[in-house]
Amino acid sequence: MAPRTNGELQDAFDTAKGAWGMCAAKVDMIVDCQTKAQAKIDAELGRTKHE
């Protein structure tokens, strides 16, 4: 249901902002994990860092 008051709108915004923050933290964790995994693979294969 759509917010009907400023208070309800603020609550919806706060909920969305919290969910956005949790999602961003998960994305950061995945990127960090993939970066570390790629560095390990590159080190094992004797490659230099690529962009």
PDB file of N, CA and C in Angstrom:
ATOM      1  N   MET A   1       0.841  -1.173   0.000  1.00  0.00           N
ATOM      2  CA  MET A   1       0.000   0.000   0.000  1.00  0.00           C
ATOM      3  C   MET A   1       0.894   1.246   0.000  1.00  0.00           C
ATOM      4  N   ALA A   2       0.473   2.252  -0.703  1.00  0.00           N
ATOM      5  CA  ALA A   2       1.232   3.493  -0.803  1.00  0.00           C
ATOM      6  C   ALA A   2       1.135   4.291   0.498  1.00  0.00           C
ATOM      7  N   PRO A   3       2.219   4.959   0.867  1.00  0.00           N
ATOM      8  CA  PRO A   3       2.185   5.800   2.066  1.00  0.00           C
ATOM      9  C   PRO A   3       1.141   6.910   1.913  1.00  0.00           C
ATOM     10  N   ARG A   4       0.435   7.196   2.991  1.00  0.00           N
ATOM     11  CA  ARG A   4      -0.611   8.225   2.947  1.00  0.00           C
ATOM     12  C   ARG A   4      -0.229   9.480   3.723  1.00  0.00           C
ATOM     13  N   THR A   5       0.785   9.374   4.555  1.00  0.00           N
ATOM     14  CA  THR A   5       1.205  10.537   5.347  1.00  0.00           C
ATOM     15  C   THR A   5       2.713  10.705   5.208  1.00  0.00           C
ATOM     16  N   ASN A   6       3.190  11.855   5.619  1.00  0.00           N
ATOM     17  CA  ASN A   6       4.636  12.085   5.596  1.00  0.00           C
ATOM     18  C   ASN A   6       5.360  11.084   6.484  1.00  0.00           C
ATOM     19  N   GLY A   7       4.754  10.737   7.607  1.00  0.00           N
ATOM     20  CA  GLY A   7       5.364   9.760   8.512  1.00  0.00           C
ATOM     21  C   GLY A   7       5.487   8.394   7.861  1.00  0.00           C
ATOM     22  N   GLU A   8       4.425   7.971   7.167  1.00  0.00           N
ATOM     23  CA  GLU A   8       4.472   6.685   6.465  1.00  0.00           C
ATOM     24  C   GLU A   8       5.501   6.722   5.334  1.00  0.00           C
ATOM     25  N   LEU A   9       5.569   7.863   4.649  1.00  0.00           N
ATOM     26  CA  LEU A   9       6.551   8.008   3.576  1.00  0.00           C
ATOM     27  C   LEU A   9       7.967   7.943   4.141  1.00  0.00           C
ATOM     28  N   GLN A  10       8.192   8.588   5.276  1.00  0.00           N
ATOM     29  CA  GLN A  10       9.516   8.547   5.917  1.00  0.00           C
ATOM     30  C   GLN A  10       9.866   7.128   6.342  1.00  0.00           C
ATOM     31  N   ASP A  11       8.896   6.401   6.883  1.00  0.00           N
ATOM     32  CA  ASP A  11       9.130   5.006   7.281  1.00  0.00           C
ATOM     33  C   ASP A  11       9.496   4.148   6.073  1.00  0.00           C
ATOM     34  N   ALA A  12       8.778   4.345   4.965  1.00  0.00           N
ATOM     35  CA  ALA A  12       9.067   3.585   3.746  1.00  0.00           C
ATOM     36  C   ALA A  12      10.465   3.918   3.232  1.00  0.00           C
ATOM     37  N   PHE A  13      10.818   5.196   3.290  1.00  0.00           N
ATOM     38  CA  PHE A  13      12.145   5.624   2.851  1.00  0.00           C
ATOM     39  C   PHE A  13      13.233   5.011   3.726  1.00  0.00           C
ATOM     40  N   ASP A  14      13.026   5.034   5.035  1.00  0.00           N
ATOM     41  CA  ASP A  14      14.005   4.454   5.960  1.00  0.00           C
ATOM     42  C   ASP A  14      14.178   2.954   5.715  1.00  0.00           C
ATOM     43  N   THR A  15      13.073   2.266   5.452  1.00  0.00           N
ATOM     44  CA  THR A  15      13.134   0.831   5.162  1.00  0.00           C
ATOM     45  C   THR A  15      13.918   0.578   3.875  1.00  0.00           C
ATOM     46  N   ALA A  16      13.616   1.362   2.839  1.00  0.00           N
ATOM     47  CA  ALA A  16      14.313   1.199   1.562  1.00  0.00           C
ATOM     48  C   ALA A  16      15.797   1.518   1.704  1.00  0.00           C
ATOM     49  N   LYS A  17      16.105   2.565   2.457  1.00  0.00           N
ATOM     50  CA  LYS A  17      17.508   2.958   2.661  1.00  0.00           C
ATOM     51  C   LYS A  17      18.276   1.860   3.389  1.00  0.00           C
ATOM     52  N   GLY A  18      17.638   1.243   4.375  1.00  0.00           N
ATOM     53  CA  GLY A  18      18.280   0.150   5.105  1.00  0.00           C
ATOM     54  C   GLY A  18      18.532  -1.051   4.211  1.00  0.00           C
ATOM     55  N   ALA A  19      17.545  -1.384   3.382  1.00  0.00           N
ATOM     56  CA  ALA A  19      17.700  -2.514   2.461  1.00  0.00           C
ATOM     57  C   ALA A  19      18.793  -2.223   1.438  1.00  0.00           C
ATOM     58  N   TRP A  20      18.859  -0.978   0.969  1.00  0.00           N
ATOM     59  CA  TRP A  20      19.881  -0.578   0.008  1.00  0.00           C
ATOM     60  C   TRP A  20      21.267  -0.724   0.636  1.00  0.00           C
ATOM     61  N   GLY A  21      21.403  -0.328   1.873  1.00  0.00           N
ATOM     62  CA  GLY A  21      22.682  -0.454   2.571  1.00  0.00           C
ATOM     63  C   GLY A  21      23.102  -1.903   2.740  1.00  0.00           C
ATOM     64  N   MET A  22      22.150  -2.776   3.079  1.00  0.00           N
ATOM     65  CA  MET A  22      22.466  -4.203   3.226  1.00  0.00           C
ATOM     66  C   MET A  22      22.887  -4.797   1.883  1.00  0.00           C
ATOM     67  N   CYS A  23      22.197  -4.401   0.821  1.00  0.00           N
ATOM     68  CA  CYS A  23      22.540  -4.893  -0.510  1.00  0.00           C
ATOM     69  C   CYS A  23      23.943  -4.426  -0.905  1.00  0.00           C
ATOM     70  N   ALA A  24      24.250  -3.172  -0.659  1.00  0.00           N
ATOM     71  CA  ALA A  24      25.568  -2.629  -0.991  1.00  0.00           C
ATOM     72  C   ALA A  24      26.667  -3.359  -0.226  1.00  0.00           C
ATOM     73  N   ALA A  25      26.418  -3.685   1.023  1.00  0.00           N
ATOM     74  CA  ALA A  25      27.406  -4.422   1.819  1.00  0.00           C
ATOM     75  C   ALA A  25      27.647  -5.811   1.235  1.00  0.00           C
ATOM     76  N   LYS A  26      26.595  -6.467   0.765  1.00  0.00           N
ATOM     77  CA  LYS A  26      26.747  -7.790   0.152  1.00  0.00           C
ATOM     78  C   LYS A  26      27.523  -7.698  -1.151  1.00  0.00           C
ATOM     79  N   VAL A  27      27.238  -6.677  -1.955  1.00  0.00           N
ATOM     80  CA  VAL A  27      27.975  -6.483  -3.204  1.00  0.00           C
ATOM     81  C   VAL A  27      29.449  -6.242  -2.906  1.00  0.00           C
ATOM     82  N   ASP A  28      29.748  -5.403  -1.923  1.00  0.00           N
ATOM     83  CA  ASP A  28      31.139  -5.142  -1.538  1.00  0.00           C
ATOM     84  C   ASP A  28      31.839  -6.430  -1.110  1.00  0.00           C
ATOM     85  N   MET A  29      31.139  -7.277  -0.355  1.00  0.00           N
ATOM     86  CA  MET A  29      31.709  -8.540   0.104  1.00  0.00           C
ATOM     87  C   MET A  29      32.017  -9.453  -1.086  1.00  0.00           C
ATOM     88  N   ILE A  30      31.115  -9.516  -2.050  1.00  0.00           N
ATOM     89  CA  ILE A  30      31.314 -10.360  -3.230  1.00  0.00           C
ATOM     90  C   ILE A  30      32.490  -9.858  -4.055  1.00  0.00           C
ATOM     91  N   VAL A  31      32.557  -8.546  -4.273  1.00  0.00           N
ATOM     92  CA  VAL A  31      33.669  -7.974  -5.046  1.00  0.00           C
ATOM     93  C   VAL A  31      34.994  -8.256  -4.357  1.00  0.00           C
ATOM     94  N   ASP A  32      35.052  -8.094  -3.044  1.00  0.00           N
ATOM     95  CA  ASP A  32      36.271  -8.359  -2.284  1.00  0.00           C
ATOM     96  C   ASP A  32      36.687  -9.822  -2.426  1.00  0.00           C
ATOM     97  N   CYS A  33      35.723 -10.717  -2.295  1.00  0.00           N
ATOM     98  CA  CYS A  33      36.002 -12.151  -2.410  1.00  0.00           C
ATOM     99  C   CYS A  33      36.522 -12.493  -3.805  1.00  0.00           C
ATOM    100  N   GLN A  34      35.880 -11.949  -4.840  1.00  0.00           N
ATOM    101  CA  GLN A  34      36.301 -12.234  -6.209  1.00  0.00           C
ATOM    102  C   GLN A  34      37.685 -11.659  -6.495  1.00  0.00           C
ATOM    103  N   THR A  35      37.967 -10.473  -5.963  1.00  0.00           N
ATOM    104  CA  THR A  35      39.278  -9.856  -6.161  1.00  0.00           C
ATOM    105  C   THR A  35      40.374 -10.701  -5.521  1.00  0.00           C
ATOM    106  N   LYS A  36      40.127 -11.174  -4.305  1.00  0.00           N
ATOM    107  CA  LYS A  36      41.106 -12.027  -3.622  1.00  0.00           C
ATOM    108  C   LYS A  36      41.284 -13.354  -4.351  1.00  0.00           C
ATOM    109  N   ALA A  37      40.194 -13.932  -4.821  1.00  0.00           N
ATOM    110  CA  ALA A  37      40.278 -15.207  -5.540  1.00  0.00           C
ATOM    111  C   ALA A  37      41.060 -15.033  -6.834  1.00  0.00           C
ATOM    112  N   GLN A  38      40.816 -13.939  -7.548  1.00  0.00           N
ATOM    113  CA  GLN A  38      41.533 -13.706  -8.802  1.00  0.00           C
ATOM    114  C   GLN A  38      43.012 -13.465  -8.539  1.00  0.00           C
ATOM    115  N   ALA A  39      43.346 -12.747  -7.482  1.00  0.00           N
ATOM    116  CA  ALA A  39      44.748 -12.509  -7.138  1.00  0.00           C
ATOM    117  C   ALA A  39      45.449 -13.832  -6.835  1.00  0.00           C
ATOM    118  N   LYS A  40      44.762 -14.730  -6.144  1.00  0.00           N
ATOM    119  CA  LYS A  40      45.338 -16.040  -5.838  1.00  0.00           C
ATOM    120  C   LYS A  40      45.568 -16.837  -7.117  1.00  0.00           C
ATOM    121  N   ILE A  41      44.597 -16.819  -8.010  1.00  0.00           N
ATOM    122  CA  ILE A  41      44.739 -17.528  -9.290  1.00  0.00           C
ATOM    123  C   ILE A  41      45.902 -16.953 -10.080  1.00  0.00           C
ATOM    124  N   ASP A  42      45.967 -15.629 -10.158  1.00  0.00           N
ATOM    125  CA  ASP A  42      47.049 -14.981 -10.898  1.00  0.00           C
ATOM    126  C   ASP A  42      48.410 -15.325 -10.301  1.00  0.00           C
ATOM    127  N   ALA A  43      48.507 -15.355  -8.974  1.00  0.00           N
ATOM    128  CA  ALA A  43      49.772 -15.684  -8.317  1.00  0.00           C
ATOM    129  C   ALA A  43      50.177 -17.127  -8.614  1.00  0.00           C
ATOM    130  N   GLU A  44      49.208 -18.027  -8.606  1.00  0.00           N
ATOM    131  CA  GLU A  44      49.508 -19.431  -8.886  1.00  0.00           C
ATOM    132  C   GLU A  44      49.955 -19.638 -10.326  1.00  0.00           C
ATOM    133  N   LEU A  45      49.445 -18.811 -11.229  1.00  0.00           N
ATOM    134  CA  LEU A  45      49.809 -18.939 -12.638  1.00  0.00           C
ATOM    135  C   LEU A  45      50.970 -18.029 -13.025  1.00  0.00           C
ATOM    136  N   GLY A  46      51.466 -17.255 -12.074  1.00  0.00           N
ATOM    137  CA  GLY A  46      52.602 -16.379 -12.324  1.00  0.00           C
ATOM    138  C   GLY A  46      52.260 -15.177 -13.180  1.00  0.00           C
ATOM    139  N   ARG A  47      51.022 -14.785 -13.159  1.00  0.00           N
ATOM    140  CA  ARG A  47      50.599 -13.621 -13.943  1.00  0.00           C
ATOM    141  C   ARG A  47      50.755 -12.353 -13.121  1.00  0.00           C
ATOM    142  N   THR A  48      50.862 -11.237 -13.832  1.00  0.00           N
ATOM    143  CA  THR A  48      50.848  -9.944 -13.157  1.00  0.00           C
ATOM    144  C   THR A  48      49.410  -9.453 -13.093  1.00  0.00           C
ATOM    145  N   LYS A  49      49.176  -8.478 -12.221  1.00  0.00           N
ATOM    146  CA  LYS A  49      47.828  -7.933 -12.046  1.00  0.00           C
ATOM    147  C   LYS A  49      47.357  -7.311 -13.354  1.00  0.00           C
ATOM    148  N   HIS A  50      46.102  -7.564 -13.685  1.00  0.00           N
ATOM    149  CA  HIS A  50      45.525  -6.967 -14.885  1.00  0.00           C
ATOM    150  C   HIS A  50      44.399  -6.027 -14.498  1.00  0.00           C
ATOM    151  N   GLU A  51      44.094  -5.131 -15.386  1.00  0.00           N
ATOM    152  CA  GLU A  51      43.020  -4.151 -15.137  1.00  0.00           C
ATOM    153  C   GLU A  51      41.780  -4.585 -15.851  1.00  0.00           C
TER     154      GLU A  51
END
